[in-house]
């Protein structure tokens, strides 16, 4: 039995046929929509490589049945940048070497964006590490990831209030 669902994916409303009601959001994104940024790591919700935002909240796409999300708004790594302009979290990950092999990076970035939007990051590195603990990095880039999240949060706050961003330590603004 095939069923159609409606999702807004990266700002585009789409009617998507689901030939199998057991299709996960991750499989729909990767195989049905060819959005391969979210990775299939463990396929059990333990690594965070498949993290996307659904209606603004972080979820592991490998655990969510696509049919249960009918009408939802999905944001993936592919929809994060605005044209050629990277999202502040993406910029901060580059600036702080928040990645090595890159496999976990899309999930890490989407989790960081969600964390900041949920106002859960605070300004404490330990709080960020705890809130990002569902996203594993086999390469161990955690220090850079934590620094990137804290810097991106400040950039996003300054962007929303119209303030000029301060430079990183040792840089002129």
N, C-alpha and C. Protein backbone atom coordinates (compact mmCIF):
# COMPACT_ATOMS: atom_id res chain seq x y z
N UNK A 1 0.85 -1.18 0.00
CA UNK A 1 0.00 0.00 0.00
C UNK A 1 0.89 1.24 0.00
N UNK A 2 0.71 2.10 -0.96
CA UNK A 2 1.46 3.36 -1.04
C UNK A 2 0.60 4.50 -0.50
N UNK A 3 1.23 5.35 0.27
CA UNK A 3 0.55 6.50 0.87
C UNK A 3 1.38 7.74 0.56
N UNK A 4 0.70 8.85 0.30
CA UNK A 4 1.40 10.12 0.11
C UNK A 4 1.43 10.89 1.42
N UNK A 5 2.59 11.50 1.70
CA UNK A 5 2.68 12.41 2.84
C UNK A 5 3.16 13.76 2.31
N UNK A 6 2.90 14.79 3.07
CA UNK A 6 3.33 16.13 2.71
C UNK A 6 4.36 16.58 3.75
N UNK A 7 5.52 16.96 3.26
CA UNK A 7 6.59 17.50 4.12
C UNK A 7 7.11 18.77 3.50
N UNK A 8 7.50 19.69 4.36
CA UNK A 8 8.24 20.86 3.88
C UNK A 8 9.70 20.56 4.20
N UNK A 9 10.49 20.33 3.16
CA UNK A 9 11.88 19.94 3.32
C UNK A 9 12.76 21.08 2.83
N UNK A 10 13.54 21.64 3.75
CA UNK A 10 14.43 22.76 3.44
C UNK A 10 13.70 23.89 2.74
N UNK A 11 12.48 24.15 3.24
CA UNK A 11 11.70 25.28 2.74
C UNK A 11 10.80 24.98 1.56
N UNK A 12 10.86 23.78 1.00
CA UNK A 12 10.04 23.42 -0.15
C UNK A 12 8.99 22.40 0.26
N UNK A 13 7.73 22.76 0.04
CA UNK A 13 6.63 21.84 0.36
C UNK A 13 6.56 20.77 -0.73
N UNK A 14 6.52 19.51 -0.29
CA UNK A 14 6.53 18.40 -1.24
C UNK A 14 5.50 17.35 -0.83
N UNK A 15 4.86 16.78 -1.84
CA UNK A 15 4.04 15.60 -1.63
C UNK A 15 4.90 14.41 -2.03
N UNK A 16 5.08 13.49 -1.10
CA UNK A 16 6.04 12.40 -1.29
C UNK A 16 5.32 11.07 -1.14
N UNK A 17 5.41 10.22 -2.17
CA UNK A 17 4.82 8.89 -2.03
C UNK A 17 5.68 7.99 -1.14
N UNK A 18 5.03 7.27 -0.25
CA UNK A 18 5.71 6.30 0.61
C UNK A 18 5.23 4.91 0.21
N UNK A 19 6.05 4.17 -0.51
CA UNK A 19 5.62 2.83 -0.91
C UNK A 19 5.61 1.84 0.26
N UNK A 20 6.35 2.15 1.32
CA UNK A 20 6.43 1.27 2.49
C UNK A 20 6.23 2.12 3.74
N UNK A 21 5.23 1.78 4.51
CA UNK A 21 4.91 2.57 5.71
C UNK A 21 5.98 2.48 6.78
N UNK A 22 6.92 1.55 6.63
CA UNK A 22 8.01 1.38 7.60
C UNK A 22 9.23 2.22 7.26
N UNK A 23 9.14 3.07 6.24
CA UNK A 23 10.27 3.90 5.82
C UNK A 23 10.59 4.93 6.89
N UNK A 24 11.86 4.98 7.27
CA UNK A 24 12.28 5.99 8.25
C UNK A 24 12.50 7.32 7.53
N UNK A 25 12.50 8.38 8.31
CA UNK A 25 12.80 9.69 7.73
C UNK A 25 14.18 9.68 7.09
N UNK A 26 15.14 9.03 7.74
CA UNK A 26 16.50 8.98 7.19
C UNK A 26 16.51 8.32 5.81
N UNK A 27 15.86 7.18 5.68
CA UNK A 27 15.83 6.50 4.39
C UNK A 27 15.08 7.32 3.34
N UNK A 28 14.02 7.99 3.75
CA UNK A 28 13.29 8.85 2.82
C UNK A 28 14.17 9.99 2.32
N UNK A 29 14.89 10.63 3.26
CA UNK A 29 15.77 11.73 2.87
C UNK A 29 16.87 11.25 1.93
N UNK A 30 17.55 10.19 2.32
CA UNK A 30 18.72 9.72 1.56
C UNK A 30 18.33 9.04 0.24
N UNK A 31 17.37 8.13 0.29
CA UNK A 31 17.06 7.33 -0.88
C UNK A 31 15.94 7.92 -1.73
N UNK A 32 14.95 8.52 -1.07
CA UNK A 32 13.82 9.07 -1.81
C UNK A 32 14.05 10.48 -2.33
N UNK A 33 14.72 11.31 -1.53
CA UNK A 33 14.92 12.71 -1.90
C UNK A 33 16.36 13.03 -2.28
N UNK A 34 17.24 12.05 -2.16
CA UNK A 34 18.66 12.20 -2.52
C UNK A 34 19.36 13.31 -1.74
N UNK A 35 18.94 13.49 -0.50
CA UNK A 35 19.59 14.41 0.43
C UNK A 35 20.46 13.56 1.34
N UNK A 36 21.72 13.45 1.01
CA UNK A 36 22.60 12.47 1.66
C UNK A 36 23.46 13.06 2.77
N UNK A 37 23.18 14.29 3.19
CA UNK A 37 23.95 14.89 4.28
C UNK A 37 23.78 14.14 5.59
N UNK A 38 22.55 13.81 5.94
CA UNK A 38 22.31 13.01 7.15
C UNK A 38 22.84 11.61 6.89
N UNK A 39 23.68 11.13 7.77
CA UNK A 39 24.36 9.86 7.56
C UNK A 39 23.70 8.71 8.33
N UNK A 40 23.80 7.54 7.76
CA UNK A 40 23.34 6.33 8.46
C UNK A 40 24.57 5.76 9.14
N UNK A 41 24.70 6.08 10.42
CA UNK A 41 25.83 5.58 11.20
C UNK A 41 25.47 4.26 11.86
N UNK A 42 24.80 4.36 12.98
CA UNK A 42 24.45 3.15 13.75
C UNK A 42 23.09 2.60 13.36
N UNK A 43 22.21 3.46 12.84
CA UNK A 43 20.83 3.10 12.50
C UNK A 43 20.03 2.67 13.72
N UNK A 44 20.48 3.16 14.90
CA UNK A 44 19.81 2.81 16.16
C UNK A 44 19.62 4.02 17.08
N UNK A 45 19.89 5.21 16.58
CA UNK A 45 19.71 6.41 17.39
C UNK A 45 20.77 6.64 18.43
N UNK A 46 21.93 6.00 18.28
CA UNK A 46 22.96 6.12 19.30
C UNK A 46 24.12 7.03 18.91
N UNK A 47 24.27 7.36 17.62
CA UNK A 47 25.46 8.10 17.21
C UNK A 47 25.18 9.55 16.82
N UNK A 48 23.97 9.88 16.41
CA UNK A 48 23.62 11.25 16.06
C UNK A 48 24.02 11.68 14.66
N UNK A 49 24.60 10.80 13.86
CA UNK A 49 25.04 11.18 12.51
C UNK A 49 23.86 11.55 11.61
N UNK A 50 22.66 11.13 11.98
CA UNK A 50 21.47 11.38 11.17
C UNK A 50 20.63 12.54 11.69
N UNK A 51 21.16 13.34 12.59
CA UNK A 51 20.38 14.40 13.22
C UNK A 51 19.90 15.43 12.19
N UNK A 52 18.60 15.72 12.24
CA UNK A 52 17.98 16.77 11.44
C UNK A 52 17.04 17.52 12.37
N UNK A 53 16.51 18.62 11.90
CA UNK A 53 15.52 19.36 12.68
C UNK A 53 14.13 19.10 12.12
N UNK A 54 13.22 18.72 12.97
CA UNK A 54 11.82 18.53 12.61
C UNK A 54 11.00 19.51 13.42
N UNK A 55 10.35 20.42 12.71
CA UNK A 55 9.60 21.49 13.37
C UNK A 55 10.47 22.21 14.40
N UNK A 56 11.76 22.39 14.04
CA UNK A 56 12.69 23.14 14.86
C UNK A 56 13.38 22.35 15.96
N UNK A 57 13.02 21.09 16.14
CA UNK A 57 13.60 20.29 17.23
C UNK A 57 14.52 19.22 16.65
N UNK A 58 15.58 18.92 17.38
CA UNK A 58 16.55 17.91 16.96
C UNK A 58 15.96 16.51 17.09
N UNK A 59 16.13 15.71 16.04
CA UNK A 59 15.73 14.31 16.14
C UNK A 59 16.75 13.44 15.40
N UNK A 60 16.78 12.18 15.76
CA UNK A 60 17.55 11.19 15.02
C UNK A 60 16.63 10.67 13.93
N UNK A 61 16.95 10.99 12.69
CA UNK A 61 16.09 10.63 11.56
C UNK A 61 15.96 9.13 11.38
N UNK A 62 16.92 8.36 11.89
CA UNK A 62 16.86 6.90 11.75
C UNK A 62 15.79 6.29 12.64
N UNK A 63 15.31 7.02 13.63
CA UNK A 63 14.32 6.49 14.56
C UNK A 63 12.89 6.93 14.26
N UNK A 64 12.74 7.90 13.35
CA UNK A 64 11.41 8.46 13.08
C UNK A 64 10.82 7.85 11.82
N UNK A 65 9.62 7.31 11.92
CA UNK A 65 8.93 6.84 10.73
C UNK A 65 8.43 8.06 9.95
N UNK A 66 8.70 8.06 8.66
CA UNK A 66 8.32 9.20 7.82
C UNK A 66 6.81 9.46 7.89
N UNK A 67 6.02 8.42 7.92
CA UNK A 67 4.56 8.57 7.94
C UNK A 67 4.09 9.35 9.15
N UNK A 68 4.82 9.24 10.26
CA UNK A 68 4.42 9.93 11.49
C UNK A 68 4.70 11.43 11.43
N UNK A 69 5.41 11.86 10.40
CA UNK A 69 5.79 13.28 10.29
C UNK A 69 4.99 14.03 9.24
N UNK A 70 3.91 13.44 8.74
CA UNK A 70 3.08 14.09 7.73
C UNK A 70 2.75 15.51 8.17
N UNK A 71 3.05 16.48 7.33
CA UNK A 71 2.78 17.89 7.62
C UNK A 71 3.93 18.61 8.29
N UNK A 72 5.00 17.92 8.63
CA UNK A 72 6.12 18.52 9.38
C UNK A 72 7.04 19.34 8.48
N UNK A 73 7.81 20.18 9.13
CA UNK A 73 8.86 20.95 8.46
C UNK A 73 10.20 20.32 8.83
N UNK A 74 10.96 19.93 7.82
CA UNK A 74 12.24 19.25 8.01
C UNK A 74 13.35 20.17 7.52
N UNK A 75 14.39 20.32 8.33
CA UNK A 75 15.58 21.08 7.92
C UNK A 75 16.77 20.14 8.01
N UNK A 76 17.46 20.00 6.87
CA UNK A 76 18.66 19.16 6.81
C UNK A 76 19.87 20.06 6.56
N UNK A 77 21.04 19.49 6.62
CA UNK A 77 22.27 20.24 6.39
C UNK A 77 22.25 20.91 5.01
N UNK A 78 21.61 20.28 4.04
CA UNK A 78 21.56 20.84 2.70
C UNK A 78 20.77 22.15 2.64
N UNK A 79 19.87 22.37 3.59
CA UNK A 79 19.05 23.57 3.60
C UNK A 79 19.52 24.64 4.56
N UNK A 80 20.68 24.45 5.16
CA UNK A 80 21.13 25.35 6.22
C UNK A 80 21.74 26.65 5.69
N UNK A 81 22.60 26.56 4.71
CA UNK A 81 23.23 27.76 4.15
C UNK A 81 22.19 28.55 3.36
N UNK A 82 22.44 29.83 3.22
CA UNK A 82 21.58 30.69 2.39
C UNK A 82 22.36 31.06 1.15
N UNK A 83 22.13 30.32 0.08
CA UNK A 83 22.90 30.52 -1.15
C UNK A 83 24.36 30.16 -0.90
N UNK A 84 25.24 31.09 -1.19
CA UNK A 84 26.68 30.86 -0.97
C UNK A 84 27.12 31.23 0.44
N UNK A 85 26.21 31.76 1.25
CA UNK A 85 26.55 32.21 2.60
C UNK A 85 26.28 31.09 3.60
N UNK A 86 27.35 30.63 4.24
CA UNK A 86 27.22 29.56 5.22
C UNK A 86 26.49 30.05 6.46
N UNK A 87 25.84 29.13 7.12
CA UNK A 87 25.19 29.39 8.41
C UNK A 87 26.31 29.68 9.43
N UNK A 88 26.07 30.51 10.45
CA UNK A 88 27.09 30.78 11.45
C UNK A 88 27.68 29.52 12.11
N UNK A 89 26.88 28.48 12.29
CA UNK A 89 27.41 27.25 12.87
C UNK A 89 28.39 26.59 11.91
N UNK A 90 28.06 26.57 10.64
CA UNK A 90 28.98 26.01 9.65
C UNK A 90 30.29 26.79 9.63
N UNK A 91 30.20 28.11 9.65
CA UNK A 91 31.40 28.96 9.67
C UNK A 91 32.25 28.67 10.90
N UNK A 92 31.59 28.53 12.05
CA UNK A 92 32.32 28.30 13.29
C UNK A 92 32.98 26.92 13.30
N UNK A 93 32.32 25.92 12.74
CA UNK A 93 32.94 24.59 12.65
C UNK A 93 34.21 24.65 11.83
N UNK A 94 34.20 25.41 10.76
CA UNK A 94 35.41 25.56 9.93
C UNK A 94 36.49 26.29 10.72
N UNK A 95 36.11 27.40 11.35
CA UNK A 95 37.08 28.23 12.08
C UNK A 95 37.73 27.49 13.24
N UNK A 96 37.01 26.56 13.86
CA UNK A 96 37.52 25.87 15.05
C UNK A 96 37.90 24.42 14.77
N UNK A 97 38.01 24.05 13.52
CA UNK A 97 38.34 22.66 13.17
C UNK A 97 37.44 21.69 13.93
N UNK A 98 36.14 21.92 13.84
CA UNK A 98 35.17 21.09 14.53
C UNK A 98 34.85 19.80 13.78
N UNK A 99 35.74 19.39 12.92
CA UNK A 99 35.54 18.14 12.19
C UNK A 99 36.90 17.61 11.76
N UNK A 100 36.96 16.33 11.53
CA UNK A 100 38.18 15.73 10.98
C UNK A 100 37.79 14.91 9.77
N UNK A 101 37.27 13.71 9.95
CA UNK A 101 36.92 12.90 8.78
C UNK A 101 35.65 13.44 8.11
N UNK A 102 34.79 14.11 8.86
CA UNK A 102 33.59 14.74 8.32
C UNK A 102 32.34 13.89 8.35
N UNK A 103 32.43 12.62 8.69
CA UNK A 103 31.25 11.75 8.66
C UNK A 103 30.16 12.26 9.61
N UNK A 104 30.53 12.63 10.81
CA UNK A 104 29.54 13.05 11.80
C UNK A 104 29.17 14.52 11.68
N UNK A 105 29.92 15.27 10.87
CA UNK A 105 29.78 16.72 10.84
C UNK A 105 28.36 17.21 10.54
N UNK A 106 27.66 16.69 9.53
CA UNK A 106 26.29 17.20 9.31
C UNK A 106 25.40 17.03 10.53
N UNK A 107 25.46 15.87 11.18
CA UNK A 107 24.65 15.64 12.38
C UNK A 107 25.08 16.54 13.53
N UNK A 108 26.39 16.73 13.68
CA UNK A 108 26.90 17.62 14.73
C UNK A 108 26.39 19.05 14.50
N UNK A 109 26.49 19.52 13.26
CA UNK A 109 26.07 20.89 12.94
C UNK A 109 24.57 21.05 13.16
N UNK A 110 23.77 20.09 12.69
CA UNK A 110 22.32 20.21 12.88
C UNK A 110 21.95 20.15 14.35
N UNK A 111 22.64 19.33 15.12
CA UNK A 111 22.39 19.27 16.55
C UNK A 111 22.76 20.60 17.21
N UNK A 112 23.88 21.19 16.79
CA UNK A 112 24.31 22.48 17.34
C UNK A 112 23.30 23.58 17.01
N UNK A 113 22.81 23.60 15.77
CA UNK A 113 21.80 24.59 15.39
C UNK A 113 20.55 24.43 16.25
N UNK A 114 20.09 23.20 16.42
CA UNK A 114 18.93 22.95 17.26
C UNK A 114 19.16 23.35 18.70
N UNK A 115 20.33 23.01 19.22
CA UNK A 115 20.69 23.35 20.59
C UNK A 115 20.65 24.87 20.81
N UNK A 116 21.21 25.60 19.88
CA UNK A 116 21.22 27.06 20.00
C UNK A 116 19.81 27.61 19.89
N UNK A 117 19.04 27.13 18.92
CA UNK A 117 17.65 27.60 18.75
C UNK A 117 16.79 27.27 19.96
N UNK A 118 17.08 26.16 20.62
CA UNK A 118 16.33 25.77 21.82
C UNK A 118 16.79 26.56 23.05
N UNK A 119 17.80 27.41 22.89
CA UNK A 119 18.37 28.21 23.97
C UNK A 119 18.90 27.31 25.09
N UNK A 120 19.50 26.19 24.71
CA UNK A 120 20.03 25.24 25.68
C UNK A 120 21.54 25.29 25.82
N UNK A 121 22.23 26.08 24.99
CA UNK A 121 23.69 26.06 24.98
C UNK A 121 24.30 26.80 26.16
N UNK A 122 23.70 27.90 26.56
CA UNK A 122 24.31 28.70 27.62
C UNK A 122 25.69 29.17 27.19
N UNK A 123 26.54 29.49 28.14
CA UNK A 123 27.91 29.90 27.80
C UNK A 123 28.94 29.03 28.50
N UNK A 124 28.49 27.87 28.95
CA UNK A 124 29.34 26.94 29.68
C UNK A 124 29.73 25.78 28.76
N UNK A 125 31.02 25.59 28.49
CA UNK A 125 31.45 24.49 27.62
C UNK A 125 30.95 23.12 28.09
N UNK A 126 30.88 22.92 29.40
CA UNK A 126 30.40 21.62 29.91
C UNK A 126 28.93 21.40 29.57
N UNK A 127 28.16 22.46 29.65
CA UNK A 127 26.74 22.37 29.30
C UNK A 127 26.58 22.02 27.82
N UNK A 128 27.40 22.62 26.96
CA UNK A 128 27.37 22.32 25.53
C UNK A 128 27.75 20.86 25.31
N UNK A 129 28.81 20.41 25.95
CA UNK A 129 29.23 19.02 25.78
C UNK A 129 28.12 18.06 26.20
N UNK A 130 27.47 18.35 27.29
CA UNK A 130 26.38 17.49 27.77
C UNK A 130 25.21 17.50 26.77
N UNK A 131 24.85 18.67 26.29
CA UNK A 131 23.72 18.78 25.37
C UNK A 131 24.02 18.16 24.00
N UNK A 132 25.29 18.07 23.65
CA UNK A 132 25.70 17.48 22.37
C UNK A 132 26.14 16.02 22.54
N UNK A 133 25.94 15.44 23.71
CA UNK A 133 26.46 14.10 23.99
C UNK A 133 25.81 13.01 23.15
N UNK A 134 24.69 13.28 22.52
CA UNK A 134 24.06 12.30 21.64
C UNK A 134 24.68 12.24 20.26
N UNK A 135 25.67 13.09 20.02
CA UNK A 135 26.37 13.12 18.72
C UNK A 135 27.81 12.68 18.95
N UNK A 136 28.14 11.53 18.41
CA UNK A 136 29.47 10.97 18.60
C UNK A 136 30.40 11.33 17.45
N UNK A 137 31.68 11.54 17.80
CA UNK A 137 32.73 11.83 16.82
C UNK A 137 33.85 10.83 17.04
N UNK A 138 34.03 9.92 16.10
CA UNK A 138 35.07 8.90 16.25
C UNK A 138 36.46 9.51 16.22
N UNK A 139 36.60 10.67 15.59
CA UNK A 139 37.92 11.30 15.48
C UNK A 139 38.28 12.09 16.74
N UNK A 140 37.31 12.41 17.57
CA UNK A 140 37.59 13.12 18.82
C UNK A 140 37.74 14.62 18.66
N UNK A 141 36.96 15.24 17.77
CA UNK A 141 37.06 16.68 17.54
C UNK A 141 36.19 17.47 18.52
N UNK A 142 35.96 16.93 19.69
CA UNK A 142 35.01 17.54 20.63
C UNK A 142 35.40 18.94 21.09
N UNK A 143 36.67 19.21 21.30
CA UNK A 143 37.07 20.55 21.75
C UNK A 143 36.70 21.59 20.70
N UNK A 144 37.00 21.32 19.45
CA UNK A 144 36.65 22.24 18.37
C UNK A 144 35.15 22.39 18.20
N UNK A 145 34.43 21.29 18.37
CA UNK A 145 32.97 21.34 18.26
C UNK A 145 32.39 22.24 19.35
N UNK A 146 32.85 22.06 20.57
CA UNK A 146 32.35 22.88 21.69
C UNK A 146 32.66 24.35 21.47
N UNK A 147 33.88 24.67 21.06
CA UNK A 147 34.25 26.07 20.77
C UNK A 147 33.39 26.62 19.64
N UNK A 148 33.13 25.82 18.62
CA UNK A 148 32.33 26.27 17.49
C UNK A 148 30.90 26.59 17.91
N UNK A 149 30.32 25.75 18.75
CA UNK A 149 28.95 25.98 19.21
C UNK A 149 28.87 27.28 19.99
N UNK A 150 29.82 27.50 20.90
CA UNK A 150 29.80 28.73 21.71
C UNK A 150 30.00 29.97 20.84
N UNK A 151 30.91 29.89 19.88
CA UNK A 151 31.14 31.05 19.00
C UNK A 151 29.93 31.30 18.10
N UNK A 152 29.37 30.25 17.54
CA UNK A 152 28.22 30.40 16.65
C UNK A 152 27.02 30.99 17.39
N UNK A 153 26.84 30.55 18.63
CA UNK A 153 25.75 31.10 19.42
C UNK A 153 25.90 32.61 19.57
N UNK A 154 27.10 33.06 19.89
CA UNK A 154 27.33 34.50 20.02
C UNK A 154 27.09 35.23 18.70
N UNK A 155 27.56 34.64 17.61
CA UNK A 155 27.36 35.25 16.29
C UNK A 155 25.87 35.35 15.96
N UNK A 156 25.12 34.32 16.29
CA UNK A 156 23.68 34.32 16.00
C UNK A 156 22.94 35.34 16.88
N UNK A 157 23.36 35.47 18.12
CA UNK A 157 22.76 36.48 19.01
C UNK A 157 23.05 37.87 18.47
N UNK A 158 24.30 38.11 18.10
CA UNK A 158 24.68 39.41 17.58
C UNK A 158 23.97 39.71 16.26
N UNK A 159 23.81 38.69 15.44
CA UNK A 159 23.12 38.84 14.16
C UNK A 159 21.67 39.23 14.39
N UNK A 160 21.02 38.58 15.35
CA UNK A 160 19.60 38.85 15.59
C UNK A 160 19.38 40.21 16.26
N UNK A 161 20.37 40.72 16.98
CA UNK A 161 20.22 42.02 17.64
C UNK A 161 20.84 43.15 16.83
N UNK A 162 21.47 42.80 15.71
CA UNK A 162 22.06 43.83 14.84
C UNK A 162 23.41 44.33 15.31
N UNK A 163 24.01 43.68 16.31
CA UNK A 163 25.33 44.09 16.78
C UNK A 163 26.40 43.59 15.83
N UNK A 164 27.50 44.29 15.81
CA UNK A 164 28.65 43.85 15.01
C UNK A 164 29.35 42.73 15.77
N UNK A 165 29.60 41.59 15.09
CA UNK A 165 30.26 40.48 15.77
C UNK A 165 31.66 40.84 16.22
N UNK A 166 32.00 40.41 17.43
CA UNK A 166 33.36 40.57 17.93
C UNK A 166 34.24 39.51 17.28
N UNK A 167 35.51 39.83 17.08
CA UNK A 167 36.43 38.84 16.50
C UNK A 167 36.77 37.78 17.52
N UNK A 168 37.30 36.66 17.01
CA UNK A 168 37.76 35.61 17.92
C UNK A 168 38.98 36.15 18.66
N UNK A 169 39.37 35.48 19.71
CA UNK A 169 40.52 35.90 20.49
C UNK A 169 41.72 36.12 19.57
N UNK A 170 42.38 37.24 19.73
CA UNK A 170 43.59 37.52 18.95
C UNK A 170 43.30 38.12 17.59
N UNK A 171 42.00 38.34 17.25
CA UNK A 171 41.64 38.91 15.95
C UNK A 171 41.04 40.28 16.16
N UNK A 172 41.23 41.13 15.18
CA UNK A 172 40.55 42.42 15.18
C UNK A 172 39.13 42.19 14.73
N UNK A 173 38.19 42.96 15.26
CA UNK A 173 36.79 42.79 14.89
C UNK A 173 36.51 43.41 13.54
